[in-house]
């Protein structure tokens, strides 16, 4: 590539990564444009970053199989670059994709691989994120003792971080455990804290699932007014971002 193309690719990749959560569809388009310029080049790092972007955008848009394909293309590139942080990130993406596809065995394997690298790199943000992902897996398979242990480890690291993103997710996870155990009031307390932090961060999209959980808890507590308010807000966000599964769950609870 000529220098002008290199500069354009760098800008496309950086912009796509920055807006991956706030405008995922646009981020995907920018990532596809960058990949088209990179695919026949010898820019290994650029290509790895482009594939990373395609992987995360597809994951956010719920296209988990597509995301896995891009992960498997990016992984050997990061390995050839000896970029341990990049390798751990792709392991984490793969683990999350398998988690969303309910393949908990593979999800756990890849998140543990990511955790091992991140412990060595001593990055509290990434380390805490991996612990959280593993906790979520154990919570999903109802191994609540193990889940709580990983949540608490993640919490210790997350509380001290200036970026509260992981902390909001930890609160959401702990709330989910309280909900599963039937302690709906404690669950709602955690969910409220999580939603407040997410709104503070501008992460409106991920509040949809938390609000839905709050609605479900309120139904169990027979607080139907609060349930309706939470579910309506959750459904509105789900429709805005095209999350049909949460929209359907809200409608089911309304029913």
Protein backbone atom coordinates (compact mmCIF):
# COMPACT_ATOMS: atom_id res chain seq x y z
CA UNK A 1 0.00 0.00 0.00
CA UNK A 2 1.06 3.60 -0.61
CA UNK A 3 1.37 5.92 2.36
CA UNK A 4 -2.00 7.55 1.70
CA UNK A 5 -3.71 4.16 1.89
CA UNK A 6 -1.81 3.24 5.06
CA UNK A 7 -2.94 6.45 6.74
CA UNK A 8 -6.52 5.90 5.60
CA UNK A 9 -6.55 2.33 6.91
CA UNK A 10 -5.20 3.46 10.28
CA UNK A 11 -7.92 6.10 10.55
CA UNK A 12 -10.65 3.65 9.55
CA UNK A 13 -9.49 1.07 12.10
CA UNK A 14 -9.17 3.61 14.91
CA UNK A 15 -12.56 5.19 14.17
CA UNK A 16 -14.31 1.80 13.96
CA UNK A 17 -12.84 0.67 17.28
CA UNK A 18 -13.85 3.94 18.98
CA UNK A 19 -17.52 3.77 17.89
CA UNK A 20 -17.93 -0.03 18.06
CA UNK A 21 -20.54 0.22 20.84
CA UNK A 22 -22.11 3.59 20.12
CA UNK A 23 -22.66 3.04 16.37
CA UNK A 24 -21.90 -0.60 15.65
CA UNK A 25 -23.32 -0.72 12.14
CA UNK A 26 -21.16 2.22 11.06
CA UNK A 27 -18.15 0.66 12.78
CA UNK A 28 -18.76 -2.53 10.80
CA UNK A 29 -18.88 -0.58 7.54
CA UNK A 30 -15.62 1.21 8.34
CA UNK A 31 -14.00 -2.11 9.31
CA UNK A 32 -15.10 -3.70 6.04
CA UNK A 33 -13.64 -0.76 4.11
CA UNK A 34 -10.32 -1.11 5.97
CA UNK A 35 -10.24 -4.86 5.41
CA UNK A 36 -10.77 -4.41 1.66
CA UNK A 37 -7.66 -2.22 1.55
CA UNK A 38 -5.65 -4.60 3.75
CA UNK A 39 -6.56 -8.02 2.42
CA UNK A 40 -3.83 -8.15 -0.25
CA UNK A 41 -1.23 -6.19 1.70
CA UNK A 42 1.71 -7.35 3.83
CA UNK A 43 0.60 -5.22 6.78
CA UNK A 44 0.18 -8.00 9.33
CA UNK A 45 -0.60 -5.75 12.27
CA UNK A 46 -3.11 -3.71 10.29
CA UNK A 47 -4.82 -6.86 9.04
CA UNK A 48 -4.95 -8.30 12.57
CA UNK A 49 -6.55 -5.09 13.85
CA UNK A 50 -9.01 -5.02 10.95
CA UNK A 51 -10.09 -8.59 11.64
CA UNK A 52 -10.33 -7.81 15.36
CA UNK A 53 -12.74 -4.98 14.53
CA UNK A 54 -14.82 -7.21 12.27
CA UNK A 55 -14.96 -9.82 15.03
CA UNK A 56 -16.19 -7.44 17.73
CA UNK A 57 -18.70 -5.67 15.48
CA UNK A 58 -20.25 -8.96 14.43
CA UNK A 59 -20.34 -10.07 18.05
CA UNK A 60 -22.13 -6.90 19.17
CA UNK A 61 -24.60 -7.35 16.28
CA UNK A 62 -25.26 -10.91 17.55
CA UNK A 63 -23.62 -12.57 14.52
CA UNK A 64 -21.60 -14.97 16.66
CA UNK A 65 -20.66 -17.49 13.97
CA UNK A 66 -19.32 -14.70 11.73
CA UNK A 67 -17.43 -13.25 14.67
CA UNK A 68 -15.78 -16.62 15.32
CA UNK A 69 -14.61 -16.81 11.70
CA UNK A 70 -12.89 -13.44 11.98
CA UNK A 71 -11.39 -14.40 15.35
CA UNK A 72 -9.84 -17.54 13.89
CA UNK A 73 -8.28 -15.45 11.11
CA UNK A 74 -6.96 -12.81 13.50
CA UNK A 75 -5.51 -15.21 16.09
CA UNK A 76 -2.53 -16.56 14.08
CA UNK A 77 -1.65 -13.01 13.01
CA UNK A 78 -1.42 -11.81 16.62
CA UNK A 79 0.56 -14.96 17.47
CA UNK A 80 3.03 -14.27 14.64
CA UNK A 81 3.44 -10.72 15.95
CA UNK A 82 4.05 -12.11 19.47
CA UNK A 83 1.36 -9.69 20.63
CA UNK A 84 0.21 -11.35 23.86
CA UNK A 85 -2.40 -8.68 24.60
CA UNK A 86 -3.89 -9.17 21.14
CA UNK A 87 -3.88 -12.95 21.54
CA UNK A 88 -5.66 -12.67 24.91
CA UNK A 89 -8.24 -10.30 23.43
CA UNK A 90 -9.06 -12.74 20.62
CA UNK A 91 -9.26 -15.63 23.10
CA UNK A 92 -11.74 -13.50 25.06
CA UNK A 93 -13.81 -12.77 21.93
CA UNK A 94 -13.89 -16.49 21.07
CA UNK A 95 -14.93 -17.36 24.61
CA UNK A 96 -17.74 -14.80 24.55
CA UNK A 97 -19.00 -16.06 21.19
CA UNK A 98 -19.12 -19.63 22.49
CA UNK A 99 -20.87 -18.39 25.65
CA UNK A 100 -23.56 -16.69 23.59
CA UNK A 101 -23.96 -19.90 21.58
CA UNK A 102 -24.40 -21.79 24.90
CA UNK A 103 -21.22 -23.82 24.34
CA UNK A 104 -20.04 -23.33 27.91
CA UNK A 105 -17.20 -25.85 27.76
CA UNK A 106 -15.41 -24.05 24.95
CA UNK A 107 -16.33 -20.67 26.40
CA UNK A 108 -14.65 -21.56 29.68
CA UNK A 109 -11.57 -22.98 27.95
CA UNK A 110 -10.92 -19.80 25.94
CA UNK A 111 -11.65 -17.40 28.79
CA UNK A 112 -9.23 -19.34 31.01
CA UNK A 113 -6.59 -19.03 28.26
CA UNK A 114 -7.19 -15.28 28.14
CA UNK A 115 -7.05 -15.06 31.94
CA UNK A 116 -3.69 -16.83 32.10
CA UNK A 117 -2.11 -14.32 29.71
CA UNK A 118 -3.76 -11.32 31.36
CA UNK A 119 -2.53 -12.34 34.80
CA UNK A 120 1.02 -12.29 33.44
CA UNK A 121 0.54 -8.93 31.71
CA UNK A 122 -0.76 -7.40 34.98
CA UNK A 123 -3.49 -5.35 33.30
CA UNK A 124 -6.20 -4.88 35.94
CA UNK A 125 -8.86 -3.92 33.37
CA UNK A 126 -8.35 -6.99 31.20
CA UNK A 127 -7.71 -9.27 34.19
CA UNK A 128 -10.96 -8.16 35.84
CA UNK A 129 -12.86 -8.61 32.57
CA UNK A 130 -11.67 -12.21 32.19
CA UNK A 131 -12.61 -13.04 35.79
CA UNK A 132 -16.06 -11.59 35.14
CA UNK A 133 -16.52 -13.67 31.98
CA UNK A 134 -15.61 -16.86 33.83
CA UNK A 135 -17.98 -15.95 36.66
CA UNK A 136 -20.80 -15.49 34.14
CA UNK A 137 -20.16 -18.97 32.72
CA UNK A 138 -20.31 -20.62 36.14
CA UNK A 139 -23.47 -18.64 36.98
CA UNK A 140 -25.07 -19.85 33.74
CA UNK A 141 -24.40 -23.50 34.58
CA UNK A 142 -25.65 -22.87 38.15
CA UNK A 143 -22.31 -23.41 39.87
CA UNK A 144 -22.99 -20.41 42.07
CA UNK A 145 -20.16 -21.00 44.56
CA UNK A 146 -17.51 -20.84 41.82
CA UNK A 147 -19.32 -17.96 40.15
CA UNK A 148 -19.34 -15.88 43.32
CA UNK A 149 -15.63 -16.50 43.87
CA UNK A 150 -14.77 -15.16 40.42
CA UNK A 151 -17.22 -12.24 40.77
CA UNK A 152 -15.56 -11.19 44.02
CA UNK A 153 -12.07 -11.46 42.49
CA UNK A 154 -13.22 -9.35 39.56
CA UNK A 155 -14.85 -6.87 41.92
CA UNK A 156 -11.61 -6.30 43.87
CA UNK A 157 -9.86 -5.20 40.68
CA UNK A 158 -12.82 -3.34 39.14
CA UNK A 159 -13.51 -1.07 42.12
CA UNK A 160 -10.11 0.60 41.80
CA UNK A 161 -10.39 1.30 38.06
CA UNK A 162 -11.19 4.75 36.68
CA UNK A 163 -13.20 3.07 33.90
CA UNK A 164 -16.33 1.72 35.59
CA UNK A 165 -17.37 -0.50 32.66
CA UNK A 166 -16.32 -3.78 34.25
CA UNK A 167 -17.68 -2.71 37.65
CA UNK A 168 -21.13 -2.19 36.09
CA UNK A 169 -20.97 -5.68 34.59
CA UNK A 170 -19.85 -7.22 37.90
CA UNK A 171 -22.84 -5.63 39.66
CA UNK A 172 -25.08 -7.01 36.93
CA UNK A 173 -23.62 -10.49 37.41
CA UNK A 174 -23.98 -10.46 41.18
CA UNK A 175 -27.54 -9.19 40.78
CA UNK A 176 -28.24 -12.10 38.46
CA UNK A 177 -27.02 -14.54 41.11
CA UNK A 178 -29.28 -12.97 43.75
CA UNK A 179 -32.14 -13.20 41.26
CA UNK A 180 -31.46 -16.89 40.56
CA UNK A 181 -31.44 -17.56 44.31
CA UNK A 182 -34.76 -15.76 44.80
CA UNK A 183 -33.41 -12.73 46.67
CA UNK A 184 -35.13 -10.23 44.37
CA UNK A 185 -34.69 -7.12 46.55
CA UNK A 186 -30.89 -7.54 46.67
CA UNK A 187 -30.90 -8.30 42.95
CA UNK A 188 -32.73 -5.04 42.21
CA UNK A 189 -30.26 -3.08 44.35
CA UNK A 190 -27.37 -4.43 42.25
CA UNK A 191 -29.23 -3.86 38.98
CA UNK A 192 -30.02 -0.24 39.87
CA UNK A 193 -26.34 0.47 40.58
CA UNK A 194 -25.38 -1.22 37.33
CA UNK A 195 -27.88 0.75 35.24
CA UNK A 196 -26.82 4.05 36.84
CA UNK A 197 -23.16 3.41 36.01
CA UNK A 198 -23.98 2.31 32.45
CA UNK A 199 -26.01 5.46 31.86
CA UNK A 200 -23.19 7.55 33.30
CA UNK A 201 -20.84 5.88 30.80
CA UNK A 202 -23.29 6.41 27.93
CA UNK A 203 -23.65 2.65 27.45
CA UNK A 204 -27.41 2.73 26.92
CA UNK A 205 -27.59 -0.44 24.83
CA UNK A 206 -26.46 -2.80 27.59
CA UNK A 207 -28.97 -1.36 30.07
CA UNK A 208 -31.77 -3.17 28.21
CA UNK A 209 -31.02 -6.60 29.66
CA UNK A 210 -30.49 -5.20 33.17
CA UNK A 211 -33.77 -3.29 33.06
CA UNK A 212 -35.53 -6.44 31.85
CA UNK A 213 -34.12 -8.33 34.84
CA UNK A 214 -35.32 -5.55 37.13
CA UNK A 215 -38.77 -5.91 35.60
CA UNK A 216 -38.77 -9.66 36.16
CA UNK A 217 -37.69 -9.19 39.80
CA UNK A 218 -40.41 -6.60 40.34
CA UNK A 219 -43.01 -9.03 39.00
CA UNK A 220 -41.84 -11.61 41.54
CA UNK A 221 -42.21 -8.95 44.27
CA UNK A 222 -45.67 -8.09 42.86
CA UNK A 223 -44.55 -4.51 42.28
CA UNK A 224 -46.29 -4.37 38.92
CA UNK A 225 -46.02 -0.60 38.45
CA UNK A 226 -42.22 -0.68 38.68
CA UNK A 227 -42.15 -3.85 36.57
CA UNK A 228 -44.07 -2.14 33.79
CA UNK A 229 -41.82 0.92 33.89
CA UNK A 230 -38.61 -1.18 33.69
CA UNK A 231 -39.93 -3.44 30.94
CA UNK A 232 -41.18 -0.53 28.82
CA UNK A 233 -37.79 1.19 29.02
CA UNK A 234 -35.99 -2.10 28.28
CA UNK A 235 -38.21 -2.82 25.27
CA UNK A 236 -37.72 0.70 23.89
CA UNK A 237 -33.92 0.31 24.01
CA UNK A 238 -34.08 -3.22 22.56
CA UNK A 239 -36.17 -2.01 19.61
CA UNK A 240 -33.80 0.92 19.02
CA UNK A 241 -30.77 -1.37 18.84
CA UNK A 242 -32.47 -4.30 17.11
CA UNK A 243 -32.12 -6.76 20.00
CA UNK A 244 -35.05 -9.04 19.23
CA UNK A 245 -34.35 -11.52 22.04
CA UNK A 246 -34.70 -8.88 24.77
CA UNK A 247 -37.72 -7.37 23.03
CA UNK A 248 -39.37 -10.81 23.00
CA UNK A 249 -38.49 -11.43 26.66
CA UNK A 250 -40.08 -8.12 27.65
CA UNK A 251 -43.25 -8.92 25.71
CA UNK A 252 -43.40 -12.35 27.33
CA UNK A 253 -43.19 -10.83 30.82
CA UNK A 254 -45.82 -8.23 29.90
CA UNK A 255 -48.07 -11.14 28.89
